[in-house]
Amino acid sequence: MTENTNSSISTNAGNGDRIVIVKYNAGNIQSVLFALERIGVQAVVTDDKELILSADKIIFPGVGEASTAMSYLKERKLDQVIRSAKQPLLGICLGMQLLCNHSEENDTECLGLFDVEVKKFTSETLKIPQIGWNNIEVKDSPLFKGIANNSYCYFVHSYYAELNDSSIATANYEIDFSCALAKENFYGVQFHPEKSAETGEQILKNFLAL
């Protein structure tokens, strides 16, 4: 695994694609790197705009708070970089939420790539955040090739994306919500594929094969 902000992008061992993980202040980067390494893939972690936009695949992870993350992205003009990406891009957890229009978390305007609102869970009976394994219902999508319906994935989140036309997988935590989104070259998953055992590994492999 490689972390670099200036040198050339490492290639993975499979098909020569150049894989970049966006470096910013809310990334769960190490666990994603380890997951990629387990499937024989090398990636570079960078906030360099040219390196990001010249990659074959972009991974945009995230753990943390929406408004702080968006402020960091805007300060470094990484918001513009992500919006202008033409190659497959995968947002993970907060990364997926930041691809949406708006988050209730500190009334945050997000990147607007998915036309959907991010809401906070409200429940008198369930623990918030949702932490742990939950089953997902998947639609026909290349991201879920070989993934059985009702497979289990690992979640850690207090906010969720509403159901919408871009939903390619749903889960239920007292209410139904979008746990995966897709529109053009942009993909997002609310769960953590890097922590979701064989199911998560297959989803990462599917993304890298896009």
C-alpha atoms as a PDB file:
ATOM      1  CA  MET A   1       0.000   0.000   0.000  1.00  0.00           C
ATOM      2  CA  THR A   2       1.167   3.477  -0.811  1.00  0.00           C
ATOM      3  CA  GLU A   3       0.551   6.915   0.612  1.00  0.00           C
ATOM      4  CA  ASN A   4       1.856   9.763  -1.479  1.00  0.00           C
ATOM      5  CA  THR A   5       0.711  13.201  -2.519  1.00  0.00           C
ATOM      6  CA  ASN A   6       3.225  13.928  -5.261  1.00  0.00           C
ATOM      7  CA  SER A   7       4.668  10.846  -6.937  1.00  0.00           C
ATOM      8  CA  SER A   8       3.184   8.794  -9.751  1.00  0.00           C
ATOM      9  CA  ILE A   9       0.206   6.589  -9.044  1.00  0.00           C
ATOM     10  CA  SER A  10       0.795   2.976  -8.131  1.00  0.00           C
ATOM     11  CA  THR A  11      -0.912   0.366 -10.280  1.00  0.00           C
ATOM     12  CA  ASN A  12      -2.808  -2.620  -8.992  1.00  0.00           C
ATOM     13  CA  ALA A  13      -1.651  -6.144  -9.568  1.00  0.00           C
ATOM     14  CA  GLY A  14      -4.684  -7.180 -11.581  1.00  0.00           C
ATOM     15  CA  ASN A  15      -5.373  -5.122 -14.671  1.00  0.00           C
ATOM     16  CA  GLY A  16      -3.022  -2.162 -14.451  1.00  0.00           C
ATOM     17  CA  ASP A  17      -5.693   0.334 -13.426  1.00  0.00           C
ATOM     18  CA  ARG A  18      -4.479   3.269 -11.371  1.00  0.00           C
ATOM     19  CA  ILE A  19      -6.452   3.451  -8.115  1.00  0.00           C
ATOM     20  CA  VAL A  20      -6.578   6.630  -6.023  1.00  0.00           C
ATOM     21  CA  ILE A  21      -8.029   7.186  -2.563  1.00  0.00           C
ATOM     22  CA  VAL A  22      -8.915  10.832  -1.926  1.00  0.00           C
ATOM     23  CA  LYS A  23      -6.904  12.156   1.006  1.00  0.00           C
ATOM     24  CA  TYR A  24      -8.869  14.517   3.243  1.00  0.00           C
ATOM     25  CA  ASN A  25      -9.682  15.038   6.903  1.00  0.00           C
ATOM     26  CA  ALA A  26     -12.534  12.512   7.145  1.00  0.00           C
ATOM     27  CA  GLY A  27     -11.166   9.475   5.386  1.00  0.00           C
ATOM     28  CA  ASN A  28     -11.176   5.976   6.886  1.00  0.00           C
ATOM     29  CA  ILE A  29      -8.148   5.434   4.722  1.00  0.00           C
ATOM     30  CA  GLN A  30      -6.111   2.740   6.432  1.00  0.00           C
ATOM     31  CA  SER A  31      -8.935   0.212   6.575  1.00  0.00           C
ATOM     32  CA  VAL A  32      -9.678   0.794   2.880  1.00  0.00           C
ATOM     33  CA  LEU A  33      -6.005   0.344   1.997  1.00  0.00           C
ATOM     34  CA  PHE A  34      -5.851  -2.904   3.953  1.00  0.00           C
ATOM     35  CA  ALA A  35      -9.017  -4.189   2.253  1.00  0.00           C
ATOM     36  CA  LEU A  36      -7.590  -3.414  -1.182  1.00  0.00           C
ATOM     37  CA  GLU A  37      -4.322  -5.079  -0.238  1.00  0.00           C
ATOM     38  CA  ARG A  38      -6.231  -8.239   0.742  1.00  0.00           C
ATOM     39  CA  ILE A  39      -7.581  -8.500  -2.807  1.00  0.00           C
ATOM     40  CA  GLY A  40      -4.177  -7.842  -4.347  1.00  0.00           C
ATOM     41  CA  VAL A  41      -4.685  -4.179  -5.237  1.00  0.00           C
ATOM     42  CA  GLN A  42      -2.326  -1.286  -4.596  1.00  0.00           C
ATOM     43  CA  ALA A  43      -3.665   2.261  -4.344  1.00  0.00           C
ATOM     44  CA  VAL A  44      -2.236   5.696  -3.729  1.00  0.00           C
ATOM     45  CA  VAL A  45      -3.611   8.144  -1.169  1.00  0.00           C
ATOM     46  CA  THR A  46      -3.453  11.699  -2.463  1.00  0.00           C
ATOM     47  CA  ASP A  47      -5.043  15.142  -2.468  1.00  0.00           C
ATOM     48  CA  ASP A  48      -3.215  16.096  -5.670  1.00  0.00           C
ATOM     49  CA  LYS A  49      -5.858  17.202  -8.192  1.00  0.00           C
ATOM     50  CA  GLU A  50      -4.009  16.011 -11.284  1.00  0.00           C
ATOM     51  CA  LEU A  51      -3.264  12.602  -9.802  1.00  0.00           C
ATOM     52  CA  ILE A  52      -6.885  12.144  -8.769  1.00  0.00           C
ATOM     53  CA  LEU A  53      -8.281  13.111 -12.162  1.00  0.00           C
ATOM     54  CA  SER A  54      -5.757  10.964 -14.054  1.00  0.00           C
ATOM     55  CA  ALA A  55      -6.635   7.824 -12.076  1.00  0.00           C
ATOM     56  CA  ASP A  56      -8.726   5.011 -13.534  1.00  0.00           C
ATOM     57  CA  LYS A  57     -10.782   4.591 -10.354  1.00  0.00           C
ATOM     58  CA  ILE A  58     -11.359   6.966  -7.426  1.00  0.00           C
ATOM     59  CA  ILE A  59     -12.357   5.929  -3.912  1.00  0.00           C
ATOM     60  CA  PHE A  60     -13.808   8.647  -1.672  1.00  0.00           C
ATOM     61  CA  PRO A  61     -14.065   7.254   1.877  1.00  0.00           C
ATOM     62  CA  GLY A  62     -15.350   9.084   4.903  1.00  0.00           C
ATOM     63  CA  VAL A  63     -15.880   8.888   8.640  1.00  0.00           C
ATOM     64  CA  GLY A  64     -16.682  12.025  10.583  1.00  0.00           C
ATOM     65  CA  GLU A  65     -18.837  15.130  10.419  1.00  0.00           C
ATOM     66  CA  ALA A  66     -20.313  16.487   7.197  1.00  0.00           C
ATOM     67  CA  SER A  67     -19.798  20.254   7.501  1.00  0.00           C
ATOM     68  CA  THR A  68     -16.166  19.977   8.608  1.00  0.00           C
ATOM     69  CA  ALA A  69     -15.445  17.571   5.764  1.00  0.00           C
ATOM     70  CA  MET A  70     -17.119  19.812   3.171  1.00  0.00           C
ATOM     71  CA  SER A  71     -15.213  22.875   4.422  1.00  0.00           C
ATOM     72  CA  TYR A  72     -11.937  20.981   4.048  1.00  0.00           C
ATOM     73  CA  LEU A  73     -12.833  19.844   0.530  1.00  0.00           C
ATOM     74  CA  LYS A  74     -13.799  23.371  -0.523  1.00  0.00           C
ATOM     75  CA  GLU A  75     -10.663  24.946   0.940  1.00  0.00           C
ATOM     76  CA  ARG A  76      -8.527  22.646  -1.185  1.00  0.00           C
ATOM     77  CA  LYS A  77     -10.882  22.757  -4.195  1.00  0.00           C
ATOM     78  CA  LEU A  78     -11.296  19.007  -3.935  1.00  0.00           C
ATOM     79  CA  ASP A  79     -15.060  19.532  -4.235  1.00  0.00           C
ATOM     80  CA  GLN A  80     -14.500  20.738  -7.797  1.00  0.00           C
ATOM     81  CA  VAL A  81     -12.207  17.796  -8.503  1.00  0.00           C
ATOM     82  CA  ILE A  82     -14.782  15.258  -7.349  1.00  0.00           C
ATOM     83  CA  ARG A  83     -17.606  16.896  -9.298  1.00  0.00           C
ATOM     84  CA  SER A  84     -15.518  16.883 -12.485  1.00  0.00           C
ATOM     85  CA  ALA A  85     -14.491  13.214 -12.261  1.00  0.00           C
ATOM     86  CA  LYS A  86     -15.346  11.191 -15.376  1.00  0.00           C
ATOM     87  CA  GLN A  87     -14.020   7.837 -14.192  1.00  0.00           C
ATOM     88  CA  PRO A  88     -15.821   5.513 -11.747  1.00  0.00           C
ATOM     89  CA  LEU A  89     -15.868   7.038  -8.258  1.00  0.00           C
ATOM     90  CA  LEU A  90     -17.003   5.235  -5.111  1.00  0.00           C
ATOM     91  CA  GLY A  91     -18.076   7.159  -2.011  1.00  0.00           C
ATOM     92  CA  ILE A  92     -18.050   5.179   1.240  1.00  0.00           C
ATOM     93  CA  CYS A  93     -20.170   6.050   4.319  1.00  0.00           C
ATOM     94  CA  LEU A  94     -19.765   9.822   4.843  1.00  0.00           C
ATOM     95  CA  GLY A  95     -18.205   9.887   1.385  1.00  0.00           C
ATOM     96  CA  MET A  96     -21.519   8.705  -0.070  1.00  0.00           C
ATOM     97  CA  GLN A  97     -23.487  11.243   1.979  1.00  0.00           C
ATOM     98  CA  LEU A  98     -21.248  14.074   0.757  1.00  0.00           C
ATOM     99  CA  LEU A  99     -22.127  13.127  -2.829  1.00  0.00           C
ATOM    100  CA  CYS A 100     -25.775  14.000  -2.080  1.00  0.00           C
ATOM    101  CA  ASN A 101     -27.486  17.405  -2.191  1.00  0.00           C
ATOM    102  CA  HIS A 102     -27.707  18.286   1.470  1.00  0.00           C
ATOM    103  CA  SER A 103     -27.180  16.765   4.911  1.00  0.00           C
ATOM    104  CA  GLU A 104     -29.110  17.561   8.065  1.00  0.00           C
ATOM    105  CA  GLU A 105     -25.823  17.207   9.912  1.00  0.00           C
ATOM    106  CA  ASN A 106     -25.098  20.851  10.737  1.00  0.00           C
ATOM    107  CA  ASP A 107     -27.256  21.932   7.760  1.00  0.00           C
ATOM    108  CA  THR A 108     -24.526  21.105   5.240  1.00  0.00           C
ATOM    109  CA  GLU A 109     -24.696  21.745   1.516  1.00  0.00           C
ATOM    110  CA  CYS A 110     -22.960  18.810  -0.123  1.00  0.00           C
ATOM    111  CA  LEU A 111     -21.667  18.036  -3.612  1.00  0.00           C
ATOM    112  CA  GLY A 112     -25.041  17.578  -5.298  1.00  0.00           C
ATOM    113  CA  LEU A 113     -24.121  14.615  -7.477  1.00  0.00           C
ATOM    114  CA  PHE A 114     -27.064  12.578  -6.199  1.00  0.00           C
ATOM    115  CA  ASP A 115     -30.417  14.379  -6.026  1.00  0.00           C
ATOM    116  CA  VAL A 116     -31.242  13.212  -2.510  1.00  0.00           C
ATOM    117  CA  GLU A 117     -31.365  14.535   1.037  1.00  0.00           C
ATOM    118  CA  VAL A 118     -29.420  13.039   3.962  1.00  0.00           C
ATOM    119  CA  LYS A 119     -31.516  12.822   7.128  1.00  0.00           C
ATOM    120  CA  LYS A 120     -30.797  11.925  10.751  1.00  0.00           C
ATOM    121  CA  PHE A 121     -32.217   8.753  12.216  1.00  0.00           C
ATOM    122  CA  THR A 122     -34.842   9.416  14.885  1.00  0.00           C
ATOM    123  CA  SER A 123     -36.013   6.503  16.978  1.00  0.00           C
ATOM    124  CA  GLU A 124     -37.276   5.924  20.488  1.00  0.00           C
ATOM    125  CA  THR A 125     -36.452   2.223  20.373  1.00  0.00           C
ATOM    126  CA  LEU A 126     -33.277   1.752  18.292  1.00  0.00           C
ATOM    127  CA  LYS A 127     -29.765   2.841  19.161  1.00  0.00           C
ATOM    128  CA  ILE A 128     -28.346   5.703  17.114  1.00  0.00           C
ATOM    129  CA  PRO A 129     -25.869   5.477  15.486  1.00  0.00           C
ATOM    130  CA  GLN A 130     -26.607   2.165  13.833  1.00  0.00           C
ATOM    131  CA  ILE A 131     -23.495   0.114  14.495  1.00  0.00           C
ATOM    132  CA  GLY A 132     -23.158  -3.414  13.244  1.00  0.00           C
ATOM    133  CA  TRP A 133     -24.337  -5.831  10.596  1.00  0.00           C
ATOM    134  CA  ASN A 134     -27.503  -5.281   8.582  1.00  0.00           C
ATOM    135  CA  ASN A 135     -28.859  -7.043   5.531  1.00  0.00           C
ATOM    136  CA  ILE A 136     -29.222  -5.207   2.230  1.00  0.00           C
ATOM    137  CA  GLU A 137     -31.686  -5.594  -0.615  1.00  0.00           C
ATOM    138  CA  VAL A 138     -29.905  -5.124  -3.917  1.00  0.00           C
ATOM    139  CA  LYS A 139     -31.081  -4.139  -7.360  1.00  0.00           C
ATOM    140  CA  ASP A 140     -29.550  -5.205 -10.656  1.00  0.00           C
ATOM    141  CA  SER A 141     -26.276  -3.271 -10.770  1.00  0.00           C
ATOM    142  CA  PRO A 142     -22.710  -4.129 -11.781  1.00  0.00           C
ATOM    143  CA  LEU A 143     -21.672  -3.035  -8.278  1.00  0.00           C
ATOM    144  CA  PHE A 144     -23.575  -6.021  -6.851  1.00  0.00           C
ATOM    145  CA  LYS A 145     -22.605  -8.685  -9.350  1.00  0.00           C
ATOM    146  CA  GLY A 146     -22.457 -11.986  -7.488  1.00  0.00           C
ATOM    147  CA  ILE A 147     -23.981 -10.480  -4.326  1.00  0.00           C
ATOM    148  CA  ALA A 148     -27.030 -12.349  -3.024  1.00  0.00           C
ATOM    149  CA  ASN A 149     -30.064 -10.399  -1.930  1.00  0.00           C
ATOM    150  CA  ASN A 150     -30.209  -9.940   1.852  1.00  0.00           C
ATOM    151  CA  SER A 151     -26.436 -10.224   2.193  1.00  0.00           C
ATOM    152  CA  TYR A 152     -25.052  -8.651   5.351  1.00  0.00           C
ATOM    153  CA  CYS A 153     -22.816  -5.585   5.423  1.00  0.00           C
ATOM    154  CA  TYR A 154     -21.286  -3.565   8.254  1.00  0.00           C
ATOM    155  CA  PHE A 155     -22.741  -0.128   9.074  1.00  0.00           C
ATOM    156  CA  VAL A 156     -21.717   2.746  11.353  1.00  0.00           C
ATOM    157  CA  HIS A 157     -23.891   5.837  10.831  1.00  0.00           C
ATOM    158  CA  SER A 158     -26.384   8.242  12.371  1.00  0.00           C
ATOM    159  CA  TYR A 159     -27.508   9.772   9.057  1.00  0.00           C
ATOM    160  CA  TYR A 160     -28.992   8.147   5.979  1.00  0.00           C
ATOM    161  CA  ALA A 161     -29.825   8.959   2.368  1.00  0.00           C
ATOM    162  CA  GLU A 162     -33.522   8.869   1.560  1.00  0.00           C
ATOM    163  CA  LEU A 163     -34.909   6.484  -1.032  1.00  0.00           C
ATOM    164  CA  ASN A 164     -34.639   7.980  -4.517  1.00  0.00           C
ATOM    165  CA  ASP A 165     -34.267   7.197  -8.212  1.00  0.00           C
ATOM    166  CA  SER A 166     -30.526   6.571  -7.782  1.00  0.00           C
ATOM    167  CA  SER A 167     -30.992   3.883  -5.109  1.00  0.00           C
ATOM    168  CA  ILE A 168     -29.426   0.555  -6.116  1.00  0.00           C
ATOM    169  CA  ALA A 169     -29.629  -1.067  -2.667  1.00  0.00           C
ATOM    170  CA  THR A 170     -31.730  -0.484   0.431  1.00  0.00           C
ATOM    171  CA  ALA A 171     -31.598  -1.452   4.086  1.00  0.00           C
ATOM    172  CA  ASN A 172     -33.983  -1.071   6.998  1.00  0.00           C
ATOM    173  CA  TYR A 173     -33.286   0.436  10.385  1.00  0.00           C
ATOM    174  CA  GLU A 174     -36.839   1.065  11.536  1.00  0.00           C
ATOM    175  CA  ILE A 175     -37.259   2.837   8.190  1.00  0.00           C
ATOM    176  CA  ASP A 176     -36.119   1.898   4.695  1.00  0.00           C
ATOM    177  CA  PHE A 177     -33.165   3.935   3.431  1.00  0.00           C
ATOM    178  CA  SER A 178     -30.705   3.971   0.543  1.00  0.00           C
ATOM    179  CA  CYS A 179     -27.573   2.021   1.367  1.00  0.00           C
ATOM    180  CA  ALA A 180     -26.145   2.290  -2.146  1.00  0.00           C
ATOM    181  CA  LEU A 181     -26.516   4.858  -4.919  1.00  0.00           C
ATOM    182  CA  ALA A 182     -25.455   5.019  -8.556  1.00  0.00           C
ATOM    183  CA  LYS A 183     -25.702   7.697 -11.212  1.00  0.00           C
ATOM    184  CA  GLU A 184     -23.518   7.773 -14.321  1.00  0.00           C
ATOM    185  CA  ASN A 185     -19.926   7.204 -13.116  1.00  0.00           C
ATOM    186  CA  PHE A 186     -20.696   7.952  -9.459  1.00  0.00           C
ATOM    187  CA  TYR A 187     -21.382   5.224  -6.910  1.00  0.00           C
ATOM    188  CA  GLY A 188     -21.870   5.335  -3.168  1.00  0.00           C
ATOM    189  CA  VAL A 189     -22.355   2.853  -0.345  1.00  0.00           C
ATOM    190  CA  GLN A 190     -23.485   3.710   3.174  1.00  0.00           C
ATOM    191  CA  PHE A 191     -21.983   0.564   4.666  1.00  0.00           C
ATOM    192  CA  HIS A 192     -18.262  -0.138   4.925  1.00  0.00           C
ATOM    193  CA  PRO A 193     -17.252  -2.682   2.264  1.00  0.00           C
ATOM    194  CA  GLU A 194     -13.751  -2.751   3.737  1.00  0.00           C
ATOM    195  CA  LYS A 195     -15.273  -4.154   6.965  1.00  0.00           C
ATOM    196  CA  SER A 196     -17.950  -6.351   5.377  1.00  0.00           C
ATOM    197  CA  ALA A 197     -15.987  -9.585   4.964  1.00  0.00           C
ATOM    198  CA  GLU A 198     -16.390 -11.529   1.698  1.00  0.00           C
ATOM    199  CA  THR A 199     -19.439  -9.526   0.609  1.00  0.00           C
ATOM    200  CA  GLY A 200     -17.514  -6.277   0.940  1.00  0.00           C
ATOM    201  CA  GLU A 201     -14.501  -7.671  -0.874  1.00  0.00           C
ATOM    202  CA  GLN A 202     -16.688  -8.726  -3.784  1.00  0.00           C
ATOM    203  CA  ILE A 203     -18.264  -5.261  -3.947  1.00  0.00           C
ATOM    204  CA  LEU A 204     -14.811  -3.662  -4.058  1.00  0.00           C
ATOM    205  CA  LYS A 205     -13.774  -6.100  -6.796  1.00  0.00           C
ATOM    206  CA  ASN A 206     -16.937  -5.223  -8.735  1.00  0.00           C
ATOM    207  CA  PHE A 207     -16.200  -1.517  -8.464  1.00  0.00           C
ATOM    208  CA  LEU A 208     -12.637  -2.002  -9.635  1.00  0.00           C
ATOM    209  CA  ALA A 209     -13.925  -3.992 -12.606  1.00  0.00           C
ATOM    210  CA  LEU A 210     -16.243  -1.211 -13.815  1.00  0.00           C
END
